[in-house]
């Protein structure tokens, strides 16, 4: 996807605060954090949203959530993951991404 912001981040064309990467997934810090830890976890393969995701990518995203939560020190205390889908779901970038939020006691209003 030539005009996809997250594809450009993955390709290194747009700078990001990378925190994790493997052959299938890339994770970076959100530029507008809503919690002390607010990361975006994205598949390297472009999917517009979670409804297009295949099983292999879903498994890779799940493993990345685990790895990033441990790396960021929120696995024990807890965290929230969110994947917005579509316009009515407030998806702002049409590339599947998971928000991981933690580092504080979250309220229902966060994310």
N, C-alpha and C. Protein backbone atom coordinates (compact mmCIF):
# COMPACT_ATOMS: atom_id res chain seq x y z
N UNK A 1 0.85 -1.18 0.00
CA UNK A 1 0.00 0.00 0.00
C UNK A 1 0.89 1.24 0.00
N UNK A 2 0.92 1.93 -1.10
CA UNK A 2 1.82 3.07 -1.25
C UNK A 2 1.48 4.25 -0.35
N UNK A 3 0.21 4.46 -0.05
CA UNK A 3 -0.18 5.62 0.74
C UNK A 3 -0.47 5.29 2.20
N UNK A 4 -0.20 4.08 2.63
CA UNK A 4 -0.49 3.67 4.00
C UNK A 4 0.61 4.13 4.95
N UNK A 5 0.24 4.91 5.95
CA UNK A 5 1.20 5.43 6.92
C UNK A 5 1.94 4.30 7.62
N UNK A 6 1.23 3.27 8.06
CA UNK A 6 1.90 2.20 8.80
C UNK A 6 2.81 1.37 7.90
N UNK A 7 2.45 1.18 6.64
CA UNK A 7 3.34 0.50 5.70
C UNK A 7 4.63 1.31 5.52
N UNK A 8 4.50 2.63 5.49
CA UNK A 8 5.68 3.50 5.37
C UNK A 8 6.54 3.42 6.63
N UNK A 9 5.92 3.34 7.80
CA UNK A 9 6.67 3.19 9.05
C UNK A 9 7.43 1.86 9.05
N UNK A 10 6.75 0.79 8.69
CA UNK A 10 7.38 -0.53 8.64
C UNK A 10 8.56 -0.53 7.67
N UNK A 11 8.41 0.15 6.55
CA UNK A 11 9.46 0.21 5.53
C UNK A 11 10.61 1.14 5.92
N UNK A 12 10.47 1.88 7.01
CA UNK A 12 11.50 2.81 7.44
C UNK A 12 11.46 4.15 6.74
N UNK A 13 10.39 4.42 6.01
CA UNK A 13 10.24 5.69 5.29
C UNK A 13 9.75 6.81 6.19
N UNK A 14 9.11 6.44 7.30
CA UNK A 14 8.62 7.40 8.28
C UNK A 14 9.20 6.96 9.63
N UNK A 15 9.81 7.89 10.38
CA UNK A 15 10.41 7.50 11.66
C UNK A 15 9.36 7.08 12.68
N UNK A 16 9.77 6.18 13.56
CA UNK A 16 8.89 5.72 14.63
C UNK A 16 9.73 5.36 15.84
N UNK A 17 9.09 5.23 16.97
CA UNK A 17 9.76 4.80 18.19
C UNK A 17 9.65 3.29 18.32
N UNK A 18 10.36 2.56 17.48
CA UNK A 18 10.26 1.10 17.45
C UNK A 18 10.62 0.50 18.81
N UNK A 19 9.79 -0.46 19.25
CA UNK A 19 10.06 -1.18 20.50
C UNK A 19 10.17 -2.68 20.29
N UNK A 20 9.71 -3.17 19.14
CA UNK A 20 9.72 -4.61 18.90
C UNK A 20 9.56 -4.86 17.41
N UNK A 21 10.24 -5.91 16.93
CA UNK A 21 10.09 -6.28 15.53
C UNK A 21 10.51 -7.74 15.36
N UNK A 22 9.76 -8.44 14.54
CA UNK A 22 10.18 -9.75 14.06
C UNK A 22 9.80 -9.83 12.58
N UNK A 23 9.81 -11.01 12.01
CA UNK A 23 9.55 -11.11 10.58
C UNK A 23 8.11 -10.83 10.18
N UNK A 24 7.17 -10.85 11.13
CA UNK A 24 5.76 -10.65 10.81
C UNK A 24 5.12 -9.41 11.42
N UNK A 25 5.74 -8.87 12.47
CA UNK A 25 5.09 -7.82 13.27
C UNK A 25 6.08 -6.70 13.58
N UNK A 26 5.56 -5.49 13.69
CA UNK A 26 6.34 -4.31 14.05
C UNK A 26 5.54 -3.57 15.13
N UNK A 27 6.22 -3.15 16.20
CA UNK A 27 5.54 -2.41 17.28
C UNK A 27 6.30 -1.13 17.57
N UNK A 28 5.54 -0.06 17.81
CA UNK A 28 6.14 1.25 18.06
C UNK A 28 5.27 2.06 19.00
N UNK A 29 5.86 3.11 19.55
CA UNK A 29 5.15 3.98 20.50
C UNK A 29 4.15 4.88 19.76
N UNK A 30 2.98 5.02 20.34
CA UNK A 30 1.96 5.90 19.79
C UNK A 30 2.42 7.35 19.94
N UNK A 31 2.21 8.16 18.92
CA UNK A 31 2.66 9.56 18.99
C UNK A 31 1.74 10.43 19.85
N UNK A 32 0.57 9.91 20.20
CA UNK A 32 -0.37 10.62 21.06
C UNK A 32 -0.81 9.68 22.18
N UNK A 33 0.11 9.36 23.10
CA UNK A 33 -0.18 8.33 24.10
C UNK A 33 -1.34 8.68 25.02
N UNK A 34 -2.18 7.68 25.28
CA UNK A 34 -3.32 7.82 26.17
C UNK A 34 -3.07 7.15 27.52
N UNK A 35 -1.87 6.59 27.70
CA UNK A 35 -1.47 5.93 28.95
C UNK A 35 0.05 5.99 29.00
N UNK A 36 0.65 5.75 30.16
CA UNK A 36 2.11 5.77 30.25
C UNK A 36 2.79 4.82 29.25
N UNK A 37 2.19 3.66 29.03
CA UNK A 37 2.64 2.75 27.97
C UNK A 37 1.52 2.71 26.94
N UNK A 38 1.80 3.19 25.74
CA UNK A 38 0.81 3.15 24.65
C UNK A 38 1.57 2.82 23.38
N UNK A 39 1.42 1.58 22.95
CA UNK A 39 2.13 1.09 21.77
C UNK A 39 1.14 0.68 20.71
N UNK A 40 1.60 0.69 19.47
CA UNK A 40 0.83 0.15 18.35
C UNK A 40 1.57 -1.07 17.85
N UNK A 41 0.84 -2.16 17.69
CA UNK A 41 1.40 -3.41 17.19
C UNK A 41 0.72 -3.68 15.86
N UNK A 42 1.52 -3.76 14.78
CA UNK A 42 0.97 -3.88 13.44
C UNK A 42 1.60 -5.06 12.70
N UNK A 43 0.81 -5.75 11.89
CA UNK A 43 1.41 -6.78 11.05
C UNK A 43 2.18 -6.11 9.91
N UNK A 44 3.26 -6.74 9.50
CA UNK A 44 4.02 -6.20 8.37
C UNK A 44 3.26 -6.36 7.06
N UNK A 45 2.46 -7.41 6.98
CA UNK A 45 1.59 -7.59 5.81
C UNK A 45 0.38 -6.69 5.99
N UNK A 46 0.01 -5.97 4.95
CA UNK A 46 -1.10 -5.02 5.05
C UNK A 46 -2.44 -5.74 5.05
N UNK A 47 -3.22 -5.45 6.08
CA UNK A 47 -4.64 -5.79 6.15
C UNK A 47 -5.33 -4.50 6.56
N UNK A 48 -6.45 -4.17 5.93
CA UNK A 48 -7.14 -2.93 6.30
C UNK A 48 -7.61 -2.95 7.75
N UNK A 49 -8.08 -4.12 8.22
CA UNK A 49 -8.60 -4.20 9.59
C UNK A 49 -8.61 -5.66 10.05
N UNK A 50 -9.06 -5.87 11.25
CA UNK A 50 -9.06 -7.20 11.88
C UNK A 50 -9.90 -8.21 11.10
N UNK A 51 -10.92 -7.76 10.39
CA UNK A 51 -11.79 -8.67 9.65
C UNK A 51 -11.08 -9.31 8.46
N UNK A 52 -10.00 -8.72 7.99
CA UNK A 52 -9.26 -9.27 6.86
C UNK A 52 -8.09 -10.15 7.29
N UNK A 53 -7.78 -10.16 8.55
CA UNK A 53 -6.60 -10.83 9.09
C UNK A 53 -6.70 -12.35 8.96
N UNK A 54 -5.60 -12.99 8.58
CA UNK A 54 -5.58 -14.45 8.53
C UNK A 54 -5.10 -15.02 9.86
N UNK A 55 -5.25 -16.32 10.03
CA UNK A 55 -4.94 -16.98 11.31
C UNK A 55 -3.46 -16.86 11.67
N UNK A 56 -2.59 -16.97 10.69
CA UNK A 56 -1.15 -16.87 10.96
C UNK A 56 -0.78 -15.49 11.50
N UNK A 57 -1.36 -14.47 10.91
CA UNK A 57 -1.09 -13.10 11.37
C UNK A 57 -1.69 -12.85 12.74
N UNK A 58 -2.89 -13.37 12.97
CA UNK A 58 -3.52 -13.22 14.29
C UNK A 58 -2.65 -13.85 15.37
N UNK A 59 -2.08 -15.01 15.08
CA UNK A 59 -1.20 -15.68 16.05
C UNK A 59 0.06 -14.86 16.28
N UNK A 60 0.62 -14.29 15.21
CA UNK A 60 1.83 -13.46 15.35
C UNK A 60 1.54 -12.21 16.16
N UNK A 61 0.38 -11.61 15.97
CA UNK A 61 0.00 -10.42 16.75
C UNK A 61 -0.16 -10.78 18.22
N UNK A 62 -0.79 -11.91 18.49
CA UNK A 62 -0.97 -12.35 19.87
C UNK A 62 0.37 -12.57 20.56
N UNK A 63 1.29 -13.21 19.88
CA UNK A 63 2.61 -13.44 20.46
C UNK A 63 3.34 -12.11 20.67
N UNK A 64 3.17 -11.17 19.76
CA UNK A 64 3.80 -9.86 19.91
C UNK A 64 3.22 -9.11 21.10
N UNK A 65 1.91 -9.21 21.33
CA UNK A 65 1.31 -8.59 22.51
C UNK A 65 1.98 -9.12 23.76
N UNK A 66 2.14 -10.44 23.83
CA UNK A 66 2.78 -11.05 25.00
C UNK A 66 4.21 -10.53 25.17
N UNK A 67 4.97 -10.55 24.10
CA UNK A 67 6.38 -10.13 24.16
C UNK A 67 6.52 -8.67 24.55
N UNK A 68 5.70 -7.82 23.96
CA UNK A 68 5.79 -6.38 24.23
C UNK A 68 5.32 -6.07 25.65
N UNK A 69 4.26 -6.73 26.11
CA UNK A 69 3.79 -6.50 27.48
C UNK A 69 4.86 -6.88 28.49
N UNK A 70 5.54 -7.98 28.26
CA UNK A 70 6.64 -8.38 29.15
C UNK A 70 7.79 -7.39 29.06
N UNK A 71 8.17 -7.02 27.85
CA UNK A 71 9.27 -6.08 27.63
C UNK A 71 9.02 -4.73 28.29
N UNK A 72 7.79 -4.27 28.23
CA UNK A 72 7.43 -2.95 28.77
C UNK A 72 7.08 -2.99 30.25
N UNK A 73 7.07 -4.18 30.86
CA UNK A 73 6.84 -4.30 32.29
C UNK A 73 5.39 -4.20 32.71
N UNK A 74 4.45 -4.51 31.81
CA UNK A 74 3.04 -4.42 32.17
C UNK A 74 2.34 -5.78 32.18
N UNK A 75 3.06 -6.85 31.88
CA UNK A 75 2.44 -8.17 31.81
C UNK A 75 1.86 -8.58 33.16
N UNK A 76 2.54 -8.30 34.24
CA UNK A 76 2.07 -8.69 35.57
C UNK A 76 0.97 -7.77 36.10
N UNK A 77 1.14 -6.46 35.91
CA UNK A 77 0.19 -5.50 36.47
C UNK A 77 -1.09 -5.39 35.65
N UNK A 78 -1.01 -5.69 34.37
CA UNK A 78 -2.18 -5.64 33.50
C UNK A 78 -2.11 -4.54 32.46
N UNK A 79 -2.88 -4.71 31.43
CA UNK A 79 -2.90 -3.78 30.31
C UNK A 79 -4.19 -3.98 29.53
N UNK A 80 -4.42 -3.11 28.57
CA UNK A 80 -5.59 -3.19 27.69
C UNK A 80 -5.10 -3.28 26.26
N UNK A 81 -5.78 -4.09 25.45
CA UNK A 81 -5.52 -4.08 24.01
C UNK A 81 -6.82 -3.70 23.31
N UNK A 82 -6.69 -2.91 22.25
CA UNK A 82 -7.84 -2.41 21.49
C UNK A 82 -7.48 -2.45 20.01
N UNK A 83 -8.43 -2.89 19.21
CA UNK A 83 -8.28 -2.79 17.76
C UNK A 83 -9.55 -2.18 17.19
N UNK A 84 -9.47 -0.93 16.80
CA UNK A 84 -10.61 -0.25 16.21
C UNK A 84 -10.82 -0.78 14.79
N UNK A 85 -12.08 -0.89 14.37
CA UNK A 85 -12.38 -1.44 13.06
C UNK A 85 -13.40 -0.57 12.34
N UNK A 86 -12.96 0.03 11.24
CA UNK A 86 -13.86 0.82 10.41
C UNK A 86 -14.13 2.22 10.94
N UNK A 87 -14.82 2.97 10.12
CA UNK A 87 -15.12 4.37 10.45
C UNK A 87 -15.90 4.50 11.74
N UNK A 88 -16.97 3.72 11.90
CA UNK A 88 -17.78 3.82 13.11
C UNK A 88 -17.06 3.29 14.34
N UNK A 89 -16.02 2.47 14.13
CA UNK A 89 -15.21 1.97 15.24
C UNK A 89 -14.04 2.87 15.56
N UNK A 90 -13.98 4.04 14.90
CA UNK A 90 -12.93 5.06 15.13
C UNK A 90 -11.55 4.61 14.67
N UNK A 91 -11.50 3.78 13.62
CA UNK A 91 -10.20 3.40 13.06
C UNK A 91 -9.67 4.57 12.25
N UNK A 92 -8.51 5.11 12.65
CA UNK A 92 -7.97 6.30 12.00
C UNK A 92 -6.96 5.98 10.90
N UNK A 93 -6.34 4.82 10.94
CA UNK A 93 -5.41 4.39 9.89
C UNK A 93 -5.89 3.03 9.40
N UNK A 94 -6.11 2.92 8.10
CA UNK A 94 -6.63 1.67 7.54
C UNK A 94 -5.52 0.65 7.31
N UNK A 95 -4.89 0.29 8.40
CA UNK A 95 -3.92 -0.82 8.46
C UNK A 95 -4.18 -1.44 9.82
N UNK A 96 -4.47 -2.72 9.85
CA UNK A 96 -4.74 -3.40 11.11
C UNK A 96 -3.69 -3.02 12.14
N UNK A 97 -4.14 -2.60 13.31
CA UNK A 97 -3.22 -2.30 14.40
C UNK A 97 -3.91 -2.53 15.73
N UNK A 98 -3.10 -2.93 16.68
CA UNK A 98 -3.57 -3.16 18.05
C UNK A 98 -2.91 -2.14 18.95
N UNK A 99 -3.72 -1.43 19.70
CA UNK A 99 -3.20 -0.54 20.74
C UNK A 99 -2.96 -1.37 21.99
N UNK A 100 -1.81 -1.22 22.60
CA UNK A 100 -1.54 -1.82 23.90
C UNK A 100 -1.33 -0.67 24.86
N UNK A 101 -2.17 -0.59 25.89
CA UNK A 101 -2.12 0.50 26.87
C UNK A 101 -1.92 -0.07 28.26
N UNK A 102 -1.04 0.55 29.04
CA UNK A 102 -0.81 0.10 30.40
C UNK A 102 0.10 1.07 31.13
N UNK A 103 0.65 0.60 32.22
CA UNK A 103 1.56 1.41 33.00
C UNK A 103 0.87 2.24 34.07
N UNK A 104 -0.44 2.09 34.19
CA UNK A 104 -1.23 2.80 35.20
C UNK A 104 -2.58 2.09 35.30
N UNK A 105 -3.30 2.37 36.37
CA UNK A 105 -4.65 1.82 36.47
C UNK A 105 -5.52 2.55 35.44
N UNK A 106 -6.05 1.82 34.48
CA UNK A 106 -6.81 2.41 33.41
C UNK A 106 -8.27 2.60 33.81
N UNK A 107 -8.86 3.64 33.31
CA UNK A 107 -10.29 3.87 33.53
C UNK A 107 -11.05 3.40 32.30
N UNK A 108 -12.34 3.33 32.39
CA UNK A 108 -13.14 2.93 31.24
C UNK A 108 -13.08 3.95 30.13
N UNK A 109 -12.76 5.20 30.42
CA UNK A 109 -12.71 6.25 29.42
C UNK A 109 -11.43 6.24 28.59
N UNK A 110 -10.39 5.58 29.08
CA UNK A 110 -9.11 5.57 28.35
C UNK A 110 -9.22 4.64 27.16
N UNK A 111 -8.78 5.14 26.00
CA UNK A 111 -8.72 4.41 24.75
C UNK A 111 -10.06 3.97 24.29
